[in-house]
Amino acid sequence: MRFLGAISAGLFLALATALTCQAAETLNVLCGVDEAWCAVMEKTYEAKTGLKVNMPRMSTGEILDRVRMEKEAPAFDVWWGGTGVTHLQAAYEGLLEPYHPRQEADLLPWARNFFSLSGGTSVGIYAGALGFAYNRDLLSAAGLPAPNCWKDLTKPIYKGHILSGNPHSSGTAFTTLVTLVQLLGEDEAFAYMRELDRNIMDYTKAGAEPVKAAARGEVMIGISFMHDAVTQKEAGAPLVIVAPCEGTGYEIGAVSIIKGSRNLEEAKRFVDFALSPEGQATGAQAGQNQVPSNARAVLPLAAPDISMIKMVDYDFATFGSPEQRSRLLSRFDTEINPTN
């Protein structure tokens, strides 16, 4: 009986070991960047490590909802990409795992500051300025003047010609909302958005979709991050990219390990790779034009020079809090778009 018990214990240990190894063979990553970049990163990391990567693409707000929903039993190990204020909300809610990446000393100051702000749970991987882009051909055909400022977008001549993201699902659109609040003051910002809403054709789930639609000629003006518009312009779209005259906001895209990750060591290795020059080069390989956070990474040739753009002093600490997000989204639903 003791012999059989020993065999049973041995079989159980072997089975447990096999299941652990099987679990570690797949790294589950929630991807918040453009689909093209998700695909390149997935392929590159699999080739480099031999590890299977499961990397679905979701909008940033959807990722936050998913991480919240699964906090007792996370199905994913890493959250890669998407606006940093949303990562900060997850950090404040205790949903992320602290980790000091190997490349910390090589990161630019804004990335290191963001890491400190998150309590060591989230690291900046890229930066990009908010703006809008218009389709030059559609504008010319309609005989309309070119918009150069946020205030221009509220003119009645652009009614039905503008797309913007939905701030519930889109980190880009939430950045737009917060940018306007910081630029104009909250009450004036909501008054502005009520005027703008009259010209909005639709609110999209994904933040890059407005400029993609403008690039396809489906709408005249798309509000989005400028680097997303640059990607479309580099592909041949007749887009003119605008940094609004009043000033604008910006994002710090981030990477975080999800608390309770079943593959913690592999998750750490992925974060290190995402912050390395090699990992950050996958953005340019996928046609993306964000500014990378590693000082040793090569800047994409078409990346907007954000040092030349008038920026608001973006308050990540305030607007990264869950309370502020919930309050502003509730006000958006009540005053701007009650269909949410």
Protein backbone atom coordinates (compact mmCIF):
# COMPACT_ATOMS: atom_id res chain seq x y z
CA MET A 1 0.00 0.00 0.00
CA ARG A 2 2.87 2.37 0.81
CA PHE A 3 4.38 1.53 -2.59
CA LEU A 4 1.11 2.30 -4.36
CA GLY A 5 0.79 5.49 -2.35
CA ALA A 6 4.27 6.55 -3.40
CA ILE A 7 3.44 5.82 -7.06
CA SER A 8 0.20 7.83 -6.78
CA ALA A 9 2.05 10.73 -5.19
CA GLY A 10 4.68 10.57 -7.91
CA LEU A 11 2.07 10.53 -10.66
CA PHE A 12 0.28 13.47 -9.07
CA LEU A 13 3.55 15.45 -8.86
CA ALA A 14 4.38 14.65 -12.50
CA LEU A 15 0.91 15.70 -13.62
CA ALA A 16 1.10 18.95 -11.65
CA THR A 17 4.53 19.68 -13.13
CA ALA A 18 3.25 18.98 -16.64
CA LEU A 19 0.26 21.28 -16.15
CA THR A 20 2.51 24.04 -14.80
CA CYS A 21 4.83 23.74 -17.80
CA GLN A 22 1.87 23.71 -20.15
CA ALA A 23 0.50 26.89 -18.55
CA ALA A 24 3.87 28.60 -18.90
CA GLU A 25 4.06 27.77 -22.60
CA THR A 26 1.50 30.48 -23.36
CA LEU A 27 1.83 34.11 -22.34
CA ASN A 28 -1.49 35.96 -22.38
CA VAL A 29 -1.17 39.65 -23.25
CA LEU A 30 -3.92 42.25 -23.56
CA CYS A 31 -2.84 44.55 -26.40
CA GLY A 32 -3.91 48.19 -26.44
CA VAL A 33 -1.91 49.47 -29.44
CA ASP A 34 -2.87 49.34 -33.12
CA GLU A 35 -3.72 45.90 -34.53
CA ALA A 36 -0.70 45.99 -36.84
CA TRP A 37 1.67 46.55 -33.93
CA CYS A 38 -0.01 43.81 -31.87
CA ALA A 39 0.62 41.36 -34.72
CA VAL A 40 4.27 42.34 -35.20
CA MET A 41 5.03 42.20 -31.47
CA GLU A 42 3.33 38.83 -31.11
CA LYS A 43 5.27 37.34 -34.03
CA THR A 44 8.59 38.90 -32.95
CA TYR A 45 8.33 37.77 -29.34
CA GLU A 46 7.30 34.24 -30.28
CA ALA A 47 10.28 33.98 -32.66
CA LYS A 48 12.67 35.34 -30.03
CA THR A 49 11.55 33.16 -27.12
CA GLY A 50 9.81 30.13 -28.61
CA LEU A 51 6.91 30.97 -26.31
CA LYS A 52 3.33 30.93 -27.56
CA VAL A 53 1.73 34.37 -27.18
CA ASN A 54 -2.01 34.97 -27.04
CA MET A 55 -2.46 38.69 -27.76
CA PRO A 56 -6.00 39.93 -28.47
CA ARG A 57 -6.38 43.59 -29.35
CA MET A 58 -8.87 45.66 -27.33
CA SER A 59 -9.56 49.33 -26.72
CA THR A 60 -8.09 50.66 -23.48
CA GLY A 61 -11.38 51.06 -21.64
CA GLU A 62 -12.35 47.51 -22.57
CA ILE A 63 -9.05 46.24 -21.19
CA LEU A 64 -9.60 48.02 -17.88
CA ASP A 65 -13.08 46.51 -17.63
CA ARG A 66 -11.66 43.06 -18.40
CA VAL A 67 -8.91 43.33 -15.78
CA ARG A 68 -11.43 44.50 -13.19
CA MET A 69 -13.84 41.67 -14.03
CA GLU A 70 -11.13 39.00 -13.73
CA LYS A 71 -9.30 40.37 -10.69
CA GLU A 72 -10.02 37.24 -8.60
CA ALA A 73 -8.76 34.88 -11.33
CA PRO A 74 -6.85 36.75 -14.06
CA ALA A 75 -6.83 35.12 -17.48
CA PHE A 76 -4.10 37.48 -18.74
CA ASP A 77 -0.56 38.15 -17.58
CA VAL A 78 0.38 41.48 -19.17
CA TRP A 79 -1.37 44.64 -20.32
CA TRP A 80 0.71 46.17 -23.12
CA GLY A 81 -0.13 49.53 -24.67
CA GLY A 82 -2.98 51.96 -24.33
CA THR A 83 -3.19 55.31 -22.60
CA GLY A 84 -1.35 55.57 -19.32
CA VAL A 85 -4.14 57.24 -17.34
CA THR A 86 -6.10 54.01 -17.67
CA HIS A 87 -3.14 51.96 -16.44
CA LEU A 88 -2.94 54.36 -13.48
CA GLN A 89 -6.58 53.70 -12.66
CA ALA A 90 -5.80 49.98 -12.53
CA ALA A 91 -2.75 50.71 -10.34
CA TYR A 92 -4.83 52.76 -7.89
CA GLU A 93 -7.31 49.87 -7.68
CA GLY A 94 -4.55 47.38 -6.82
CA LEU A 95 -4.93 45.42 -10.06
CA LEU A 96 -1.27 45.56 -11.14
CA GLU A 97 1.91 43.81 -10.00
CA PRO A 98 4.98 45.91 -8.99
CA TYR A 99 8.08 45.26 -11.09
CA HIS A 100 11.34 47.16 -11.65
CA PRO A 101 12.30 46.59 -15.31
CA ARG A 102 15.90 45.96 -16.30
CA GLN A 103 15.85 48.95 -18.69
CA GLU A 104 14.75 51.52 -16.11
CA ALA A 105 18.04 53.46 -16.30
CA ASP A 106 17.69 53.79 -20.10
CA LEU A 107 14.21 55.29 -20.00
CA LEU A 108 13.50 58.93 -20.79
CA PRO A 109 12.50 61.13 -17.83
CA TRP A 110 8.77 61.17 -18.66
CA ALA A 111 8.72 57.35 -18.62
CA ARG A 112 10.57 57.16 -15.31
CA ASN A 113 8.25 59.78 -13.80
CA PHE A 114 5.24 57.80 -14.91
CA PHE A 115 6.72 54.66 -13.34
CA SER A 116 7.09 56.49 -10.01
CA LEU A 117 3.57 57.88 -10.26
CA SER A 118 2.16 54.37 -10.71
CA GLY A 119 3.87 53.13 -7.56
CA GLY A 120 6.26 50.97 -9.60
CA THR A 121 3.51 48.99 -11.34
CA SER A 122 3.34 50.59 -14.80
CA VAL A 123 6.03 51.85 -17.17
CA GLY A 124 5.82 54.30 -20.06
CA ILE A 125 6.66 52.71 -23.41
CA TYR A 126 5.78 55.51 -25.85
CA ALA A 127 4.39 59.05 -26.02
CA GLY A 128 2.19 60.82 -28.52
CA ALA A 129 0.33 64.12 -28.92
CA LEU A 130 -3.41 64.49 -29.44
CA GLY A 131 -4.77 66.33 -32.47
CA PHE A 132 -7.00 65.84 -35.48
CA ALA A 133 -6.62 65.27 -39.19
CA TYR A 134 -8.77 66.19 -42.15
CA ASN A 135 -9.10 64.62 -45.57
CA ARG A 136 -7.76 67.24 -47.97
CA ASP A 137 -9.74 65.93 -50.95
CA LEU A 138 -13.08 65.89 -49.12
CA LEU A 139 -12.47 69.35 -47.68
CA SER A 140 -11.65 70.75 -51.11
CA ALA A 141 -14.65 69.09 -52.75
CA ALA A 142 -16.96 70.59 -50.12
CA GLY A 143 -15.34 74.02 -50.49
CA LEU A 144 -14.76 74.34 -46.75
CA PRO A 145 -11.95 76.18 -44.95
CA ALA A 146 -9.32 74.13 -43.14
CA PRO A 147 -9.80 73.82 -39.35
CA ASN A 148 -6.75 74.77 -37.30
CA CYS A 149 -8.08 74.98 -33.74
CA TRP A 150 -10.35 73.08 -31.37
CA LYS A 151 -12.86 75.96 -31.60
CA ASP A 152 -13.04 75.56 -35.39
CA LEU A 153 -14.51 72.07 -35.03
CA THR A 154 -17.71 73.50 -33.49
CA LYS A 155 -18.54 75.61 -36.55
CA PRO A 156 -21.87 74.56 -38.16
CA ILE A 157 -20.12 74.07 -41.53
CA TYR A 158 -18.59 70.85 -40.17
CA LYS A 159 -21.89 69.33 -39.05
CA GLY A 160 -21.84 65.56 -39.69
CA HIS A 161 -18.21 65.70 -40.86
CA ILE A 162 -16.39 64.73 -37.64
CA LEU A 163 -15.64 61.41 -35.94
CA SER A 164 -14.37 61.02 -32.39
CA GLY A 165 -13.88 58.07 -30.08
CA ASN A 166 -16.15 57.08 -27.21
CA PRO A 167 -14.33 57.84 -23.93
CA HIS A 168 -15.85 54.78 -22.26
CA SER A 169 -13.97 52.38 -24.53
CA SER A 170 -11.30 54.59 -26.12
CA GLY A 171 -8.29 55.81 -24.18
CA THR A 172 -7.72 58.33 -26.96
CA ALA A 173 -11.18 59.81 -26.45
CA PHE A 174 -10.80 59.90 -22.67
CA THR A 175 -7.53 61.78 -23.23
CA THR A 176 -9.48 64.22 -25.45
CA LEU A 177 -12.05 64.77 -22.72
CA VAL A 178 -9.39 65.35 -20.06
CA THR A 179 -7.35 67.57 -22.39
CA LEU A 180 -10.33 69.86 -22.94
CA VAL A 181 -11.05 69.98 -19.21
CA GLN A 182 -7.47 71.04 -18.47
CA LEU A 183 -7.31 73.43 -21.42
CA LEU A 184 -10.64 75.21 -20.89
CA GLY A 185 -11.79 74.43 -17.37
CA GLU A 186 -14.38 71.74 -16.70
CA ASP A 187 -17.64 73.63 -17.18
CA GLU A 188 -16.39 75.42 -20.29
CA ALA A 189 -15.04 72.12 -21.65
CA PHE A 190 -18.43 70.47 -21.34
CA ALA A 191 -20.09 73.50 -22.95
CA TYR A 192 -17.60 73.11 -25.81
CA MET A 193 -18.30 69.39 -26.13
CA ARG A 194 -22.04 70.03 -26.31
CA GLU A 195 -21.38 72.28 -29.31
CA LEU A 196 -18.96 69.77 -30.82
CA ASP A 197 -21.48 66.96 -30.38
CA ARG A 198 -23.78 68.66 -32.92
CA ASN A 199 -21.07 68.10 -35.55
CA ILE A 200 -20.08 64.55 -34.53
CA MET A 201 -21.25 61.90 -36.97
CA ASP A 202 -20.55 59.06 -34.54
CA TYR A 203 -18.48 58.02 -31.52
CA THR A 204 -16.25 55.06 -32.35
CA LYS A 205 -15.12 52.28 -30.03
CA ALA A 206 -11.44 52.49 -31.02
CA GLY A 207 -9.51 55.74 -30.74
CA ALA A 208 -7.57 55.39 -34.00
CA GLU A 209 -10.71 54.68 -36.05
CA PRO A 210 -11.63 58.37 -36.66
CA VAL A 211 -8.42 59.11 -38.57
CA LYS A 212 -8.56 55.73 -40.31
CA ALA A 213 -12.05 56.59 -41.52
CA ALA A 214 -10.82 60.02 -42.65
CA ALA A 215 -7.98 58.32 -44.51
CA ARG A 216 -10.50 56.05 -46.28
CA GLY A 217 -12.60 59.07 -47.27
CA GLU A 218 -15.55 58.02 -45.11
CA VAL A 219 -15.50 61.19 -43.02
CA MET A 220 -13.81 64.56 -43.39
CA ILE A 221 -12.26 65.04 -39.93
CA GLY A 222 -11.03 62.54 -37.34
CA ILE A 223 -9.95 63.39 -33.80
CA SER A 224 -7.13 61.10 -32.67
CA PHE A 225 -3.49 60.92 -31.70
CA MET A 226 -1.29 62.54 -34.29
CA HIS A 227 0.96 59.50 -34.71
CA ASP A 228 -2.08 57.44 -35.83
CA ALA A 229 -2.78 60.04 -38.50
CA VAL A 230 0.89 60.03 -39.56
CA THR A 231 0.71 56.26 -40.11
CA GLN A 232 -2.24 56.74 -42.46
CA LYS A 233 -0.57 59.64 -44.28
CA GLU A 234 2.62 57.64 -44.76
CA ALA A 235 0.49 54.94 -46.40
CA GLY A 236 -0.68 57.49 -48.98
CA ALA A 237 -3.89 58.92 -47.49
CA PRO A 238 -4.63 62.60 -48.34
CA LEU A 239 -4.57 63.70 -44.70
CA VAL A 240 -3.51 67.03 -43.25
CA ILE A 241 -2.52 66.68 -39.58
CA VAL A 242 -3.32 69.48 -37.15
CA ALA A 243 -1.90 70.34 -33.73
CA PRO A 244 -4.74 72.56 -32.41
CA CYS A 245 -3.77 76.22 -32.01
CA GLU A 246 -5.00 76.47 -28.41
CA GLY A 247 -2.72 73.64 -27.31
CA THR A 248 -3.34 69.95 -26.79
CA GLY A 249 -2.83 66.98 -24.55
CA TYR A 250 -0.73 63.89 -24.90
CA GLU A 251 -0.59 60.28 -23.86
CA ILE A 252 2.02 58.09 -22.29
CA GLY A 253 1.32 54.56 -23.45
CA ALA A 254 2.25 52.00 -20.82
CA VAL A 255 2.94 48.35 -20.04
CA SER A 256 1.90 46.63 -16.80
CA ILE A 257 1.90 43.18 -15.27
CA ILE A 258 -1.53 42.09 -14.10
CA LYS A 259 -1.72 41.16 -10.43
CA GLY A 260 -2.22 37.43 -10.01
CA SER A 261 -0.45 36.58 -13.28
CA ARG A 262 -0.07 32.82 -13.61
CA ASN A 263 3.16 33.27 -15.57
CA LEU A 264 4.86 35.99 -13.57
CA GLU A 265 8.46 35.36 -14.64
CA GLU A 266 7.48 35.25 -18.33
CA ALA A 267 5.45 38.41 -17.83
CA LYS A 268 8.54 40.15 -16.42
CA ARG A 269 10.59 39.02 -19.41
CA PHE A 270 7.95 40.41 -21.78
CA VAL A 271 7.99 43.80 -20.02
CA ASP A 272 11.79 43.91 -20.28
CA PHE A 273 11.59 43.14 -23.99
CA ALA A 274 8.83 45.73 -24.60
CA LEU A 275 11.09 48.39 -23.05
CA SER A 276 14.25 47.33 -24.89
CA PRO A 277 15.39 49.04 -28.13
CA GLU A 278 14.60 45.80 -29.99
CA GLY A 279 11.09 45.59 -28.56
CA GLN A 280 10.37 49.26 -29.16
CA ALA A 281 11.57 48.94 -32.75
CA THR A 282 8.58 46.69 -33.45
CA GLY A 283 6.46 49.86 -33.52
CA ALA A 284 8.26 51.30 -36.54
CA GLN A 285 8.28 47.84 -38.15
CA ALA A 286 4.49 47.88 -37.88
CA GLY A 287 4.27 51.37 -39.39
CA GLN A 288 3.64 53.12 -36.06
CA ASN A 289 5.04 56.53 -35.22
CA GLN A 290 4.95 56.99 -31.46
CA VAL A 291 7.98 58.38 -29.62
CA PRO A 292 9.68 55.42 -27.85
CA SER A 293 10.55 55.69 -24.16
CA ASN A 294 13.97 54.04 -24.29
CA ALA A 295 16.67 56.66 -24.94
CA ARG A 296 18.65 54.07 -26.95
CA ALA A 297 15.71 53.25 -29.24
CA VAL A 298 15.59 54.68 -32.76
CA LEU A 299 12.94 57.36 -33.27
CA PRO A 300 10.64 56.55 -36.23
CA LEU A 301 11.49 58.93 -39.08
CA ALA A 302 7.89 60.18 -39.42
CA ALA A 303 7.21 60.56 -35.68
CA PRO A 304 5.74 64.00 -34.85
CA ASP A 305 8.17 66.29 -33.06
CA ILE A 306 6.21 66.70 -29.84
CA SER A 307 8.74 69.22 -28.54
CA MET A 308 7.40 71.68 -31.15
CA ILE A 309 3.73 71.27 -30.13
CA LYS A 310 2.00 73.48 -27.56
CA MET A 311 1.07 71.09 -24.75
CA VAL A 312 -1.12 71.32 -21.67
CA ASP A 313 0.54 70.44 -18.37
CA TYR A 314 -1.19 67.05 -18.28
CA ASP A 315 -2.13 66.08 -14.72
CA PHE A 316 -1.73 62.29 -14.74
CA ALA A 317 -2.05 61.99 -10.97
CA THR A 318 -5.49 63.63 -10.86
CA PHE A 319 -7.01 62.24 -14.03
CA GLY A 320 -5.55 58.79 -13.54
CA SER A 321 -7.75 58.24 -10.49
CA PRO A 322 -10.81 55.95 -10.77
CA GLU A 323 -13.00 58.57 -9.06
CA GLN A 324 -12.19 61.24 -11.64
CA ARG A 325 -12.71 58.81 -14.53
CA SER A 326 -16.07 57.69 -13.21
CA ARG A 327 -17.23 61.23 -12.52
CA LEU A 328 -16.20 62.64 -15.90
CA LEU A 329 -17.68 59.71 -17.83
CA SER A 330 -20.93 60.06 -15.91
CA ARG A 331 -21.08 63.73 -16.80
CA PHE A 332 -20.28 62.92 -20.44
CA ASP A 333 -23.18 60.45 -20.51
CA THR A 334 -25.57 62.94 -18.94
CA GLU A 335 -24.63 66.06 -20.89
CA ILE A 336 -23.08 64.93 -24.16
CA ASN A 337 -24.00 61.42 -25.26
CA PRO A 338 -26.85 59.85 -23.23
CA THR A 339 -26.88 56.72 -25.42
CA ASN A 340 -23.95 55.10 -23.51
